[in-house]
Amino acid sequence: ATCVLNAGEQSDILLGTNLGFAIPGNAPIKGIVFRLGSYLKTGSGTIIGAAQLSYLGAGVGEIKSPAGTWAVGAATTDLGGANDLWQTTWNPVQINDATFGVGLVTICGGVAATPGVDYFMVSVYYSVP
């Protein structure tokens, strides 16, 4: 997915849901990682304005942004961690639901740019009692 942004513009939300998790119902959720494969086709200064987990169509928990700007070419960024719940709590019913996912927006800095997303992955860490 790509978008063309002028200086100061924000992209629409790119929302990924229906991730197909099947976590056992009694498993405590320990952490969530969002991995983003991004690139900057043209321009400079585009950053991830916000990445936030979502459930039932609404943003949930902490909004995360990596430091720095996107460089021309491909990059991989991880947000969250094996012990990071994004300042909220999660249970298997929520994670397994088709509406669980992640939303992403980009904001263009001082120069028009064409940012893109090659892929994203969501990893959920849990323990089986």
Protein backbone atom coordinates (compact mmCIF):
# COMPACT_ATOMS: atom_id res chain seq x y z
CA ALA A 1 0.00 0.00 0.00
CA THR A 2 1.28 3.46 -0.85
CA CYS A 3 -0.01 7.01 -0.59
CA VAL A 4 1.15 10.36 -1.90
CA LEU A 5 1.38 13.03 0.80
CA ASN A 6 2.17 16.72 0.62
CA ALA A 7 4.09 18.40 3.43
CA GLY A 8 2.08 18.29 6.66
CA GLU A 9 -0.51 15.82 5.41
CA GLN A 10 -1.54 12.64 7.22
CA SER A 11 -2.51 9.42 5.49
CA ASP A 12 -5.77 7.58 5.99
CA ILE A 13 -5.64 4.75 8.50
CA LEU A 14 -4.30 1.48 7.14
CA LEU A 15 -6.13 -1.10 9.25
CA GLY A 16 -5.21 -4.76 9.31
CA THR A 17 -7.64 -7.16 10.99
CA ASN A 18 -8.83 -10.77 10.74
CA LEU A 19 -5.37 -12.06 11.67
CA GLY A 20 -6.45 -15.64 12.31
CA PHE A 21 -5.16 -16.20 15.83
CA ALA A 22 -6.30 -19.32 17.72
CA ILE A 23 -4.84 -18.79 21.20
CA PRO A 24 -6.14 -21.22 23.86
CA GLY A 25 -8.88 -19.66 25.99
CA ASN A 26 -6.99 -20.10 29.28
CA ALA A 27 -3.66 -18.69 28.07
CA PRO A 28 -2.54 -15.39 29.66
CA ILE A 29 -1.41 -12.86 27.06
CA LYS A 30 2.13 -11.63 27.83
CA GLY A 31 3.01 -9.26 24.99
CA ILE A 32 2.35 -8.15 21.42
CA VAL A 33 4.81 -7.16 18.67
CA PHE A 34 3.86 -5.25 15.53
CA ARG A 35 6.47 -5.63 12.77
CA LEU A 36 6.25 -3.21 9.88
CA GLY A 37 8.00 -3.61 6.54
CA SER A 38 7.98 -0.10 5.10
CA TYR A 39 9.67 1.93 2.41
CA LEU A 40 9.89 5.49 1.20
CA LYS A 41 9.49 5.62 -2.57
CA THR A 42 10.09 9.38 -2.92
CA GLY A 43 10.70 12.38 -0.67
CA SER A 44 12.05 12.44 2.87
CA GLY A 45 10.95 13.08 6.41
CA THR A 46 7.93 10.78 6.52
CA ILE A 47 7.46 9.15 9.91
CA ILE A 48 4.99 6.72 11.36
CA GLY A 49 2.54 9.07 12.99
CA ALA A 50 0.80 6.37 14.96
CA ALA A 51 0.55 2.61 15.25
CA GLN A 52 -2.13 1.35 17.61
CA LEU A 53 -3.73 -1.99 18.25
CA SER A 54 -7.45 -2.16 17.54
CA TYR A 55 -10.42 -4.20 18.66
CA LEU A 56 -14.07 -3.92 17.63
CA GLY A 57 -13.13 -1.09 15.27
CA ALA A 58 -11.54 1.18 17.88
CA GLY A 59 -7.96 1.94 18.86
CA VAL A 60 -6.95 0.28 22.14
CA GLY A 61 -3.97 0.94 24.38
CA GLU A 62 -0.79 2.88 23.77
CA ILE A 63 -0.03 4.66 20.50
CA LYS A 64 3.51 3.77 19.44
CA SER A 65 5.88 5.57 17.09
CA PRO A 66 9.45 4.63 16.24
CA ALA A 67 12.17 7.22 16.49
CA GLY A 68 13.49 8.81 13.34
CA THR A 69 12.27 9.18 9.79
CA TRP A 70 11.80 6.74 6.96
CA ALA A 71 14.74 6.58 4.58
CA VAL A 72 14.43 5.95 0.85
CA GLY A 73 14.43 2.19 0.47
CA ALA A 74 13.12 -0.64 2.60
CA ALA A 75 13.16 -0.88 6.41
CA THR A 76 11.79 -3.13 9.13
CA THR A 77 10.53 -1.73 12.42
CA ASP A 78 9.32 -3.59 15.51
CA LEU A 79 6.99 -1.94 18.01
CA GLY A 80 5.98 -3.56 21.29
CA GLY A 81 7.63 -6.61 22.74
CA ALA A 82 7.27 -10.06 24.27
CA ASN A 83 6.36 -8.44 27.60
CA ASP A 84 4.59 -5.32 26.28
CA LEU A 85 0.77 -5.19 26.33
CA TRP A 86 0.61 -1.65 24.92
CA GLN A 87 -0.57 -0.24 28.28
CA THR A 88 -3.74 -2.31 28.42
CA THR A 89 -4.77 -5.90 29.08
CA TRP A 90 -5.72 -8.52 26.52
CA ASN A 91 -7.36 -11.92 26.68
CA PRO A 92 -7.51 -14.74 24.12
CA VAL A 93 -11.14 -13.99 23.16
CA GLN A 94 -10.12 -10.47 22.07
CA ILE A 95 -6.96 -11.57 20.25
CA ASN A 96 -8.78 -14.40 18.43
CA ASP A 97 -11.60 -12.10 17.32
CA ALA A 98 -11.62 -11.10 13.63
CA THR A 99 -11.79 -7.42 14.65
CA PHE A 100 -8.43 -7.54 16.52
CA GLY A 101 -5.65 -5.90 14.55
CA VAL A 102 -3.50 -2.83 14.14
CA GLY A 103 -3.99 0.60 12.61
CA LEU A 104 -1.23 2.70 11.08
CA VAL A 105 -1.02 6.29 9.81
CA THR A 106 1.91 8.19 8.32
CA ILE A 107 2.57 11.91 8.57
CA CYS A 108 4.64 13.74 5.97
CA GLY A 109 7.36 16.11 7.13
CA GLY A 110 8.63 19.11 5.18
CA VAL A 111 8.79 17.56 1.70
CA ALA A 112 6.12 15.76 -0.35
CA ALA A 113 6.63 12.01 -0.13
CA THR A 114 5.31 8.62 -1.16
CA PRO A 115 5.55 6.22 1.80
CA GLY A 116 4.60 2.58 1.44
CA VAL A 117 3.96 -0.56 3.44
CA ASP A 118 5.20 -3.89 2.07
CA TYR A 119 3.88 -6.01 4.92
CA PHE A 120 3.09 -6.14 8.58
CA MET A 121 3.04 -8.97 11.10
CA VAL A 122 1.56 -9.21 14.55
CA SER A 123 3.08 -11.68 17.02
CA VAL A 124 1.29 -12.45 20.28
CA TYR A 125 3.22 -13.92 23.20
CA TYR A 126 1.32 -16.03 25.71
CA SER A 127 1.87 -18.86 28.16
CA VAL A 128 -0.10 -22.07 28.40
CA PRO A 129 -1.04 -22.84 32.01
